[in-house]
Protein backbone atom coordinates (compact mmCIF):
# COMPACT_ATOMS: atom_id res chain seq x y z
CA MET A 1 -3.33 8.47 -19.24
CA ALA A 2 -1.40 7.44 -16.14
CA ALA A 3 0.44 4.17 -16.09
CA THR A 4 0.00 1.62 -13.31
CA TYR A 5 2.34 -1.02 -12.00
CA LYS A 6 2.70 -3.73 -9.43
CA PRO A 7 4.79 -2.73 -6.41
CA ASP A 8 7.31 -5.56 -6.83
CA LEU A 9 8.35 -4.40 -10.32
CA GLY A 10 10.05 -1.17 -9.25
CA SER A 11 9.22 2.38 -10.11
CA HIS A 12 12.34 4.26 -11.15
CA CYS A 13 13.28 5.69 -14.53
CA LYS A 14 16.06 3.65 -16.14
CA ASN A 15 17.65 6.82 -17.50
CA CYS A 16 17.50 9.46 -14.73
CA LYS A 17 16.56 7.21 -11.77
CA ALA A 18 13.59 9.46 -10.88
CA ASP A 19 11.06 7.92 -8.50
CA LEU A 20 7.94 7.33 -10.58
CA ASP A 21 5.75 5.97 -7.77
CA ASP A 22 2.56 8.02 -7.49
CA GLY A 23 1.01 5.96 -4.70
CA ASP A 24 -1.51 3.22 -4.05
CA ILE A 25 -4.46 3.61 -6.41
CA TYR A 26 -7.11 3.37 -3.70
CA GLU A 27 -5.28 5.76 -1.34
CA LYS A 28 -4.67 8.27 -4.15
CA LEU A 29 -8.34 8.26 -5.22
CA LYS A 30 -9.44 8.49 -1.59
CA SER A 31 -7.27 11.57 -1.03
CA ILE A 32 -8.72 13.26 -4.11
CA PHE A 33 -12.41 12.29 -3.90
CA TYR A 34 -13.00 11.92 -0.15
CA PHE A 35 -15.49 14.79 -0.13
CA LEU A 36 -17.46 13.61 -3.17
CA TYR A 37 -17.82 9.84 -2.73
CA ASP A 38 -18.23 7.35 0.07
CA ASP A 39 -15.63 4.64 0.66
CA ASP A 40 -17.57 2.00 -1.31
CA GLU A 41 -17.64 4.19 -4.44
CA ILE A 42 -13.94 4.99 -4.12
CA ARG A 43 -13.14 1.26 -3.86
CA ARG A 44 -15.30 0.61 -6.94
CA GLN A 45 -13.40 3.29 -8.87
CA ALA A 46 -10.06 1.84 -7.71
CA ARG A 47 -11.15 -1.60 -8.95
CA CYS A 48 -11.86 -0.02 -12.37
CA HIS A 49 -8.11 0.76 -12.46
CA GLY A 50 -7.28 -2.87 -11.60
CA TRP A 51 -6.65 -2.32 -7.88
CA SER A 52 -7.57 -4.84 -5.21
CA LYS A 53 -6.60 -5.30 -1.56
CA ASP A 54 -4.50 -8.28 -2.62
CA ASN A 55 -2.48 -6.82 -5.51
CA GLY A 56 -1.67 -3.33 -4.16
CA LEU A 57 -1.55 -1.86 -7.66
CA ARG A 58 -0.08 1.65 -7.73
CA PHE A 59 -0.22 4.67 -10.03
CA SER A 60 2.92 5.68 -11.86
CA LYS A 61 3.94 9.23 -12.76
CA GLU A 62 4.86 7.98 -16.25
CA GLN A 63 2.50 9.00 -19.00
CA ILE A 64 1.31 6.54 -21.62
CA VAL A 65 1.39 7.84 -25.20
CA TYR A 66 -0.45 6.17 -28.06
CA SER A 67 0.48 7.12 -31.61
CA LYS A 68 -0.50 5.54 -34.93
CA ASP A 69 1.85 2.59 -34.74
CA LYS A 70 3.62 2.89 -31.38
CA LYS A 71 2.76 2.84 -27.71
CA PHE A 72 5.27 4.08 -25.18
CA THR A 73 5.67 5.64 -21.75
CA VAL A 74 7.39 8.95 -21.06
CA CYS A 75 9.26 9.88 -17.89
CA PRO A 76 8.02 13.26 -16.58
CA GLU A 77 11.51 14.18 -15.32
CA CYS A 78 13.79 13.53 -18.30
CA SER A 79 11.26 12.88 -21.11
CA CYS A 80 12.90 9.59 -22.08
CA LYS A 81 10.62 7.16 -23.89
CA TYR A 82 10.25 3.43 -23.36
CA PRO A 83 8.14 0.97 -25.34
CA LEU A 84 4.89 0.24 -23.50
CA LYS A 85 4.82 -3.21 -22.01
CA ASN A 86 1.84 -4.57 -20.16
CA ASN A 87 3.28 -5.54 -16.79
CA LEU A 88 -0.02 -6.31 -15.08
């Protein structure tokens, strides 16, 4: 599962400083599904991820991992792990 974040919170790994920004949710979905769905459906799908015109929520390249008793994110560059915090 891909993590999401608000643009004002930053998007770099604390360990390796890799840029984890994977783009605006709506724009990313539009670039992937432009040939399958109309703009209204893409906006609806973006809203399912928490996006709105006002909040500018973005995808992160970090991956969310759920285990029995822990939730954490993993940097795709250096594989460092950080406890999952809900920053939305």
